[in-house]
Amino acid sequence: MPQPMGTSACKSDRRSLRSQRALRSALAEEITAGEDISRISVAALTERAGLTRRTFYSHYKDIPDFIEQVEDALLAEVRTLVRAIAEATLPELYESIEHLEPAPGSVELLRYIADNRELIGALIGPGGDQAFIKKVIDMACAAVSDRMQTGIFPGALGAFFDYYLASVVASEVGVVQRWFDRDLAETPETMARIMTVIAFVRPGDLYGMPIDVNVAAYGLKLMGLNVDNCEIPPNDLLADLTAMLAGGTSSSPTEGN
């Protein structure tokens, strides 16, 4: 009896997916076993996966191509989840913290990480791929940058904001790495609550000695603008400073006298 049309293709697709999953698992096992990611060979990978070299080369050009495709697939999934978190506004985040709830979307992201713990843990661990960690940080910065600039005081933009954003994202990635160090002891729900609030914790808060810094004024000073006090400038001065930051001219009534 002839097979229905498409049955053979479906079986081939399923075999292909199984082979690729086996190779990803083998990659994680190789790294976890202590093999440097730059020294992993096709022979070792296929042997651990229980596949032939021919099967590997039917999907990938070589090991670097394989690793790049694996990492790109992970980044695409994580990017979608990070963008969902980035949609939350500050008032929404404050409300979440007030009610001991995680930031919208954060549980889903951490569940995805936990569900893919072997591969992600291997890639961001001590024997993993430092280039992948940088890709994660760069991707997350790009995903949240626009939202984080919404409503921000103009003086905090430029280099100051760039370093601030890198600091926040790198810190969150570091927390995830620490979570793996602890063998994911906390549930994704608990970690989501921790990570929601941890970005708002100032060093002095842990000692009952909060440090209040006027970040906007500090940012302006760092950019070489003449701000003589630590108060937010009045609206007319703010307009002038905004124009200066945008490359425009001052609207000061004394200009051109």
C-alpha atoms as a PDB file:
ATOM      1  CA  MET A   1       0.000   0.000   0.000  1.00  0.00           C
ATOM      2  CA  PRO A   2       1.581   3.320  -1.026  1.00  0.00           C
ATOM      3  CA  GLN A   3       2.376   5.822   1.712  1.00  0.00           C
ATOM      4  CA  PRO A   4       0.364   9.050   1.773  1.00  0.00           C
ATOM      5  CA  MET A   5       2.093  11.971   0.114  1.00  0.00           C
ATOM      6  CA  GLY A   6       4.307  13.833   2.517  1.00  0.00           C
ATOM      7  CA  THR A   7       4.774  10.920   4.946  1.00  0.00           C
ATOM      8  CA  SER A   8       8.362  10.297   3.838  1.00  0.00           C
ATOM      9  CA  ALA A   9       9.208  13.998   4.109  1.00  0.00           C
ATOM     10  CA  CYS A  10       7.709  14.161   7.614  1.00  0.00           C
ATOM     11  CA  LYS A  11       9.788  11.187   8.727  1.00  0.00           C
ATOM     12  CA  SER A  12      12.891  12.791   7.261  1.00  0.00           C
ATOM     13  CA  ASP A  13      12.151  16.051   9.075  1.00  0.00           C
ATOM     14  CA  ARG A  14      11.684  14.203  12.372  1.00  0.00           C
ATOM     15  CA  ARG A  15      14.955  12.326  11.893  1.00  0.00           C
ATOM     16  CA  SER A  16      16.694  15.617  11.101  1.00  0.00           C
ATOM     17  CA  LEU A  17      15.340  17.261  14.249  1.00  0.00           C
ATOM     18  CA  ARG A  18      16.359  14.261  16.358  1.00  0.00           C
ATOM     19  CA  SER A  19      19.860  14.378  14.893  1.00  0.00           C
ATOM     20  CA  GLN A  20      20.223  18.088  15.579  1.00  0.00           C
ATOM     21  CA  ARG A  21      18.959  17.699  19.148  1.00  0.00           C
ATOM     22  CA  ALA A  22      21.424  14.846  19.683  1.00  0.00           C
ATOM     23  CA  LEU A  23      24.279  17.003  18.402  1.00  0.00           C
ATOM     24  CA  ARG A  24      23.292  19.911  20.668  1.00  0.00           C
ATOM     25  CA  SER A  25      23.175  17.576  23.659  1.00  0.00           C
ATOM     26  CA  ALA A  26      26.551  16.145  22.692  1.00  0.00           C
ATOM     27  CA  LEU A  27      27.998  19.664  22.495  1.00  0.00           C
ATOM     28  CA  ALA A  28      26.776  20.438  26.010  1.00  0.00           C
ATOM     29  CA  GLU A  29      28.199  17.146  27.295  1.00  0.00           C
ATOM     30  CA  GLU A  30      31.565  17.765  25.637  1.00  0.00           C
ATOM     31  CA  ILE A  31      31.873  21.198  27.244  1.00  0.00           C
ATOM     32  CA  THR A  32      30.646  19.958  30.638  1.00  0.00           C
ATOM     33  CA  ALA A  33      33.168  17.109  30.479  1.00  0.00           C
ATOM     34  CA  GLY A  34      35.921  19.726  30.322  1.00  0.00           C
ATOM     35  CA  GLU A  35      36.616  19.898  26.597  1.00  0.00           C
ATOM     36  CA  ASP A  36      37.557  23.380  25.371  1.00  0.00           C
ATOM     37  CA  ILE A  37      34.898  24.487  22.903  1.00  0.00           C
ATOM     38  CA  SER A  38      37.577  25.485  20.373  1.00  0.00           C
ATOM     39  CA  ARG A  39      39.010  21.953  20.435  1.00  0.00           C
ATOM     40  CA  ILE A  40      35.802  19.953  19.947  1.00  0.00           C
ATOM     41  CA  SER A  41      36.046  17.737  16.876  1.00  0.00           C
ATOM     42  CA  VAL A  42      33.403  16.322  14.558  1.00  0.00           C
ATOM     43  CA  ALA A  43      34.553  12.814  15.427  1.00  0.00           C
ATOM     44  CA  ALA A  44      34.143  13.343  19.177  1.00  0.00           C
ATOM     45  CA  LEU A  45      30.823  15.117  18.760  1.00  0.00           C
ATOM     46  CA  THR A  46      29.253  12.502  16.491  1.00  0.00           C
ATOM     47  CA  GLU A  47      30.553   9.647  18.595  1.00  0.00           C
ATOM     48  CA  ARG A  48      28.962  11.107  21.699  1.00  0.00           C
ATOM     49  CA  ALA A  49      25.736  11.816  19.783  1.00  0.00           C
ATOM     50  CA  GLY A  50      25.636   8.314  18.313  1.00  0.00           C
ATOM     51  CA  LEU A  51      25.586   9.681  14.772  1.00  0.00           C
ATOM     52  CA  THR A  52      27.767   9.400  11.705  1.00  0.00           C
ATOM     53  CA  ARG A  53      30.031  12.117  10.398  1.00  0.00           C
ATOM     54  CA  ARG A  54      27.960  12.037   7.215  1.00  0.00           C
ATOM     55  CA  THR A  55      24.872  13.007   9.237  1.00  0.00           C
ATOM     56  CA  PHE A  56      26.761  15.929  10.780  1.00  0.00           C
ATOM     57  CA  TYR A  57      27.965  17.223   7.423  1.00  0.00           C
ATOM     58  CA  SER A  58      24.467  16.970   5.985  1.00  0.00           C
ATOM     59  CA  HIS A  59      23.473  19.782   8.364  1.00  0.00           C
ATOM     60  CA  TYR A  60      26.654  21.768   9.041  1.00  0.00           C
ATOM     61  CA  LYS A  61      29.794  22.817   7.202  1.00  0.00           C
ATOM     62  CA  ASP A  62      32.113  22.353  10.164  1.00  0.00           C
ATOM     63  CA  ILE A  63      32.240  22.756  13.954  1.00  0.00           C
ATOM     64  CA  PRO A  64      32.322  26.598  13.905  1.00  0.00           C
ATOM     65  CA  ASP A  65      29.280  26.597  11.613  1.00  0.00           C
ATOM     66  CA  PHE A  66      27.510  24.152  13.927  1.00  0.00           C
ATOM     67  CA  ILE A  67      28.236  26.226  17.035  1.00  0.00           C
ATOM     68  CA  GLU A  68      27.195  29.451  15.296  1.00  0.00           C
ATOM     69  CA  GLN A  69      23.861  27.955  14.218  1.00  0.00           C
ATOM     70  CA  VAL A  70      23.213  26.564  17.697  1.00  0.00           C
ATOM     71  CA  GLU A  71      23.994  29.886  19.346  1.00  0.00           C
ATOM     72  CA  ASP A  72      22.005  31.913  16.817  1.00  0.00           C
ATOM     73  CA  ALA A  73      18.937  29.734  17.435  1.00  0.00           C
ATOM     74  CA  LEU A  74      19.253  30.277  21.195  1.00  0.00           C
ATOM     75  CA  LEU A  75      19.750  34.024  20.745  1.00  0.00           C
ATOM     76  CA  ALA A  76      16.643  34.288  18.570  1.00  0.00           C
ATOM     77  CA  GLU A  77      14.514  32.597  21.239  1.00  0.00           C
ATOM     78  CA  VAL A  78      16.003  34.626  24.086  1.00  0.00           C
ATOM     79  CA  ARG A  79      15.664  37.889  22.114  1.00  0.00           C
ATOM     80  CA  THR A  80      11.902  37.384  21.790  1.00  0.00           C
ATOM     81  CA  LEU A  81      11.577  36.747  25.531  1.00  0.00           C
ATOM     82  CA  VAL A  82      13.784  39.721  26.479  1.00  0.00           C
ATOM     83  CA  ARG A  83      11.726  42.036  24.264  1.00  0.00           C
ATOM     84  CA  ALA A  84       8.601  40.970  26.160  1.00  0.00           C
ATOM     85  CA  ILE A  85      10.290  42.036  29.410  1.00  0.00           C
ATOM     86  CA  ALA A  86      11.449  45.309  27.830  1.00  0.00           C
ATOM     87  CA  GLU A  87       7.841  46.281  27.150  1.00  0.00           C
ATOM     88  CA  ALA A  88       7.226  46.774  30.872  1.00  0.00           C
ATOM     89  CA  THR A  89       7.193  50.397  32.056  1.00  0.00           C
ATOM     90  CA  LEU A  90       8.810  51.655  35.254  1.00  0.00           C
ATOM     91  CA  PRO A  91       5.409  52.086  36.981  1.00  0.00           C
ATOM     92  CA  GLU A  92       4.624  48.465  36.110  1.00  0.00           C
ATOM     93  CA  LEU A  93       7.963  47.327  37.520  1.00  0.00           C
ATOM     94  CA  TYR A  94       7.423  49.327  40.713  1.00  0.00           C
ATOM     95  CA  GLU A  95       3.972  47.792  41.090  1.00  0.00           C
ATOM     96  CA  SER A  96       5.415  44.316  40.605  1.00  0.00           C
ATOM     97  CA  ILE A  97       8.014  44.939  43.308  1.00  0.00           C
ATOM     98  CA  GLU A  98       5.390  46.379  45.675  1.00  0.00           C
ATOM     99  CA  HIS A  99       3.298  43.207  45.325  1.00  0.00           C
ATOM    100  CA  LEU A 100       6.317  40.864  45.438  1.00  0.00           C
ATOM    101  CA  GLU A 101       5.630  39.845  41.866  1.00  0.00           C
ATOM    102  CA  PRO A 102       8.187  39.283  39.067  1.00  0.00           C
ATOM    103  CA  ALA A 103       8.518  41.656  36.133  1.00  0.00           C
ATOM    104  CA  PRO A 104       6.159  40.777  33.281  1.00  0.00           C
ATOM    105  CA  GLY A 105       7.803  38.208  31.025  1.00  0.00           C
ATOM    106  CA  SER A 106      10.695  37.391  33.361  1.00  0.00           C
ATOM    107  CA  VAL A 107       9.336  34.023  34.495  1.00  0.00           C
ATOM    108  CA  GLU A 108       8.932  32.900  30.882  1.00  0.00           C
ATOM    109  CA  LEU A 109      12.545  33.833  30.106  1.00  0.00           C
ATOM    110  CA  LEU A 110      13.933  31.993  33.113  1.00  0.00           C
ATOM    111  CA  ARG A 111      11.772  28.954  32.420  1.00  0.00           C
ATOM    112  CA  TYR A 112      13.207  28.821  28.910  1.00  0.00           C
ATOM    113  CA  ILE A 113      16.718  29.011  30.364  1.00  0.00           C
ATOM    114  CA  ALA A 114      15.909  26.255  32.869  1.00  0.00           C
ATOM    115  CA  ASP A 115      14.348  24.061  30.154  1.00  0.00           C
ATOM    116  CA  ASN A 116      17.569  24.404  28.136  1.00  0.00           C
ATOM    117  CA  ARG A 117      19.848  24.283  31.138  1.00  0.00           C
ATOM    118  CA  GLU A 118      22.368  21.750  29.771  1.00  0.00           C
ATOM    119  CA  LEU A 119      23.198  23.673  26.606  1.00  0.00           C
ATOM    120  CA  ILE A 120      22.888  27.226  27.950  1.00  0.00           C
ATOM    121  CA  GLY A 121      24.715  26.340  31.158  1.00  0.00           C
ATOM    122  CA  ALA A 122      27.565  24.821  29.169  1.00  0.00           C
ATOM    123  CA  LEU A 123      27.870  27.794  26.811  1.00  0.00           C
ATOM    124  CA  ILE A 124      27.906  30.457  29.554  1.00  0.00           C
ATOM    125  CA  GLY A 125      29.924  28.380  32.009  1.00  0.00           C
ATOM    126  CA  PRO A 126      33.707  28.362  32.616  1.00  0.00           C
ATOM    127  CA  GLY A 127      34.414  26.083  29.651  1.00  0.00           C
ATOM    128  CA  GLY A 128      31.887  27.703  27.357  1.00  0.00           C
ATOM    129  CA  ASP A 129      32.009  30.358  24.673  1.00  0.00           C
ATOM    130  CA  GLN A 130      32.977  33.845  25.827  1.00  0.00           C
ATOM    131  CA  ALA A 131      31.939  35.181  22.426  1.00  0.00           C
ATOM    132  CA  PHE A 132      28.439  33.814  23.030  1.00  0.00           C
ATOM    133  CA  ILE A 133      28.217  35.620  26.366  1.00  0.00           C
ATOM    134  CA  LYS A 134      29.137  38.873  24.611  1.00  0.00           C
ATOM    135  CA  LYS A 135      26.482  38.151  21.964  1.00  0.00           C
ATOM    136  CA  VAL A 136      23.905  37.693  24.740  1.00  0.00           C
ATOM    137  CA  ILE A 137      24.873  41.001  26.378  1.00  0.00           C
ATOM    138  CA  ASP A 138      24.882  42.894  23.061  1.00  0.00           C
ATOM    139  CA  MET A 139      21.527  41.379  22.070  1.00  0.00           C
ATOM    140  CA  ALA A 140      19.911  42.239  25.404  1.00  0.00           C
ATOM    141  CA  CYS A 141      21.277  45.804  25.298  1.00  0.00           C
ATOM    142  CA  ALA A 142      19.828  46.295  21.823  1.00  0.00           C
ATOM    143  CA  ALA A 143      16.495  44.752  22.842  1.00  0.00           C
ATOM    144  CA  VAL A 144      15.923  46.987  25.873  1.00  0.00           C
ATOM    145  CA  SER A 145      17.709  50.187  24.833  1.00  0.00           C
ATOM    146  CA  ASP A 146      14.741  51.975  23.251  1.00  0.00           C
ATOM    147  CA  ARG A 147      12.405  51.250  26.168  1.00  0.00           C
ATOM    148  CA  MET A 148      14.992  52.302  28.745  1.00  0.00           C
ATOM    149  CA  GLN A 149      15.488  55.630  26.962  1.00  0.00           C
ATOM    150  CA  THR A 150      11.775  56.418  27.016  1.00  0.00           C
ATOM    151  CA  GLY A 151      11.230  59.437  29.257  1.00  0.00           C
ATOM    152  CA  ILE A 152      14.854  59.549  30.344  1.00  0.00           C
ATOM    153  CA  PHE A 153      16.458  62.888  31.214  1.00  0.00           C
ATOM    154  CA  PRO A 154      18.518  63.894  28.138  1.00  0.00           C
ATOM    155  CA  GLY A 155      21.636  64.545  30.193  1.00  0.00           C
ATOM    156  CA  ALA A 156      21.847  60.857  31.057  1.00  0.00           C
ATOM    157  CA  LEU A 157      22.135  59.820  27.419  1.00  0.00           C
ATOM    158  CA  GLY A 158      25.291  59.403  25.379  1.00  0.00           C
ATOM    159  CA  ALA A 159      28.278  57.546  26.814  1.00  0.00           C
ATOM    160  CA  PHE A 160      26.875  57.657  30.348  1.00  0.00           C
ATOM    161  CA  PHE A 161      23.716  55.780  29.312  1.00  0.00           C
ATOM    162  CA  ASP A 162      25.696  53.329  27.179  1.00  0.00           C
ATOM    163  CA  TYR A 163      27.857  52.304  30.125  1.00  0.00           C
ATOM    164  CA  TYR A 164      24.861  52.246  32.465  1.00  0.00           C
ATOM    165  CA  LEU A 165      22.955  49.926  30.140  1.00  0.00           C
ATOM    166  CA  ALA A 166      25.963  47.636  29.705  1.00  0.00           C
ATOM    167  CA  SER A 167      26.369  47.522  33.482  1.00  0.00           C
ATOM    168  CA  VAL A 168      22.733  46.565  34.088  1.00  0.00           C
ATOM    169  CA  VAL A 169      22.644  43.870  31.412  1.00  0.00           C
ATOM    170  CA  ALA A 170      26.035  42.393  32.335  1.00  0.00           C
ATOM    171  CA  SER A 171      24.903  42.282  35.961  1.00  0.00           C
ATOM    172  CA  GLU A 172      21.737  40.362  35.053  1.00  0.00           C
ATOM    173  CA  VAL A 173      23.760  37.907  32.939  1.00  0.00           C
ATOM    174  CA  GLY A 174      26.103  37.492  35.902  1.00  0.00           C
ATOM    175  CA  VAL A 175      23.130  36.670  38.133  1.00  0.00           C
ATOM    176  CA  VAL A 176      22.044  33.972  35.676  1.00  0.00           C
ATOM    177  CA  GLN A 177      25.588  32.559  35.663  1.00  0.00           C
ATOM    178  CA  ARG A 178      25.511  32.489  39.466  1.00  0.00           C
ATOM    179  CA  TRP A 179      22.153  30.695  39.296  1.00  0.00           C
ATOM    180  CA  PHE A 180      23.851  27.989  37.237  1.00  0.00           C
ATOM    181  CA  ASP A 181      26.733  27.875  39.740  1.00  0.00           C
ATOM    182  CA  ARG A 182      24.067  27.065  42.343  1.00  0.00           C
ATOM    183  CA  ASP A 183      22.722  24.316  40.048  1.00  0.00           C
ATOM    184  CA  LEU A 184      19.499  26.273  39.501  1.00  0.00           C
ATOM    185  CA  ALA A 185      18.588  25.772  43.157  1.00  0.00           C
ATOM    186  CA  GLU A 186      15.900  28.458  42.995  1.00  0.00           C
ATOM    187  CA  THR A 187      12.825  28.065  40.820  1.00  0.00           C
ATOM    188  CA  PRO A 188      12.397  30.343  37.787  1.00  0.00           C
ATOM    189  CA  GLU A 189       9.585  32.087  39.689  1.00  0.00           C
ATOM    190  CA  THR A 190      11.855  32.851  42.655  1.00  0.00           C
ATOM    191  CA  MET A 191      14.734  33.960  40.438  1.00  0.00           C
ATOM    192  CA  ALA A 192      12.374  36.210  38.464  1.00  0.00           C
ATOM    193  CA  ARG A 193      11.404  37.981  41.699  1.00  0.00           C
ATOM    194  CA  ILE A 194      15.050  38.325  42.745  1.00  0.00           C
ATOM    195  CA  MET A 195      16.130  39.694  39.360  1.00  0.00           C
ATOM    196  CA  THR A 196      13.182  42.101  39.193  1.00  0.00           C
ATOM    197  CA  VAL A 197      14.272  43.910  42.330  1.00  0.00           C
ATOM    198  CA  ILE A 198      18.039  43.430  42.291  1.00  0.00           C
ATOM    199  CA  ALA A 199      18.624  46.034  39.565  1.00  0.00           C
ATOM    200  CA  PHE A 200      17.067  48.666  41.836  1.00  0.00           C
ATOM    201  CA  VAL A 201      19.185  47.823  44.889  1.00  0.00           C
ATOM    202  CA  ARG A 202      21.893  50.361  45.690  1.00  0.00           C
ATOM    203  CA  PRO A 203      24.947  49.223  47.692  1.00  0.00           C
ATOM    204  CA  GLY A 204      24.003  51.371  50.683  1.00  0.00           C
ATOM    205  CA  ASP A 205      20.494  49.893  50.826  1.00  0.00           C
ATOM    206  CA  LEU A 206      21.865  46.641  52.244  1.00  0.00           C
ATOM    207  CA  TYR A 207      23.322  48.561  55.203  1.00  0.00           C
ATOM    208  CA  GLY A 208      20.436  50.921  55.855  1.00  0.00           C
ATOM    209  CA  MET A 209      22.493  53.753  54.374  1.00  0.00           C
ATOM    210  CA  PRO A 210      20.966  54.516  50.954  1.00  0.00           C
ATOM    211  CA  ILE A 211      23.073  56.578  48.582  1.00  0.00           C
ATOM    212  CA  ASP A 212      21.092  59.271  46.773  1.00  0.00           C
ATOM    213  CA  VAL A 213      22.750  60.363  43.543  1.00  0.00           C
ATOM    214  CA  ASN A 214      21.205  62.854  41.148  1.00  0.00           C
ATOM    215  CA  VAL A 215      22.122  60.795  38.096  1.00  0.00           C
ATOM    216  CA  ALA A 216      20.889  63.350  35.563  1.00  0.00           C
ATOM    217  CA  ALA A 217      22.994  66.171  36.999  1.00  0.00           C
ATOM    218  CA  TYR A 218      25.945  63.828  37.468  1.00  0.00           C
ATOM    219  CA  GLY A 219      25.689  62.746  33.846  1.00  0.00           C
ATOM    220  CA  LEU A 220      25.690  66.371  32.708  1.00  0.00           C
ATOM    221  CA  LYS A 221      28.800  67.094  34.746  1.00  0.00           C
ATOM    222  CA  LEU A 222      30.575  64.100  33.264  1.00  0.00           C
ATOM    223  CA  MET A 223      29.812  65.430  29.791  1.00  0.00           C
ATOM    224  CA  GLY A 224      31.573  68.683  30.657  1.00  0.00           C
ATOM    225  CA  LEU A 225      28.497  70.873  30.986  1.00  0.00           C
ATOM    226  CA  ASN A 226      28.509  73.707  33.488  1.00  0.00           C
ATOM    227  CA  VAL A 227      26.213  72.504  36.244  1.00  0.00           C
ATOM    228  CA  ASP A 228      27.117  74.127  39.540  1.00  0.00           C
ATOM    229  CA  ASN A 229      24.792  72.181  41.811  1.00  0.00           C
ATOM    230  CA  CYS A 230      23.190  68.776  42.049  1.00  0.00           C
ATOM    231  CA  GLU A 231      19.626  69.911  41.444  1.00  0.00           C
ATOM    232  CA  ILE A 232      17.673  69.117  38.265  1.00  0.00           C
ATOM    233  CA  PRO A 233      17.882  72.245  36.095  1.00  0.00           C
ATOM    234  CA  PRO A 234      14.725  74.338  35.669  1.00  0.00           C
ATOM    235  CA  ASN A 235      12.714  73.889  32.485  1.00  0.00           C
ATOM    236  CA  ASP A 236      14.284  76.807  30.592  1.00  0.00           C
ATOM    237  CA  LEU A 237      17.818  75.603  31.346  1.00  0.00           C
ATOM    238  CA  LEU A 238      16.776  72.047  30.576  1.00  0.00           C
ATOM    239  CA  ALA A 239      15.598  73.176  27.144  1.00  0.00           C
ATOM    240  CA  ASP A 240      18.985  74.797  26.496  1.00  0.00           C
ATOM    241  CA  LEU A 241      20.853  71.705  27.647  1.00  0.00           C
ATOM    242  CA  THR A 242      18.665  69.469  25.517  1.00  0.00           C
ATOM    243  CA  ALA A 243      19.403  71.630  22.468  1.00  0.00           C
ATOM    244  CA  MET A 244      23.115  71.494  23.210  1.00  0.00           C
ATOM    245  CA  LEU A 245      23.033  67.712  23.491  1.00  0.00           C
ATOM    246  CA  ALA A 246      21.206  67.535  20.166  1.00  0.00           C
ATOM    247  CA  GLY A 247      23.818  69.725  18.513  1.00  0.00           C
ATOM    248  CA  GLY A 248      21.581  72.784  18.385  1.00  0.00           C
ATOM    249  CA  THR A 249      22.250  76.322  19.622  1.00  0.00           C
ATOM    250  CA  SER A 250      21.360  77.865  22.945  1.00  0.00           C
ATOM    251  CA  SER A 251      18.228  79.929  23.236  1.00  0.00           C
ATOM    252  CA  SER A 252      19.700  82.054  26.015  1.00  0.00           C
ATOM    253  CA  PRO A 253      18.538  85.712  25.783  1.00  0.00           C
ATOM    254  CA  THR A 254      22.152  86.843  26.297  1.00  0.00           C
ATOM    255  CA  GLU A 255      23.397  84.989  23.219  1.00  0.00           C
ATOM    256  CA  GLY A 256      24.598  87.260  20.422  1.00  0.00           C
ATOM    257  CA  ASN A 257      24.625  90.398  22.617  1.00  0.00           C
END
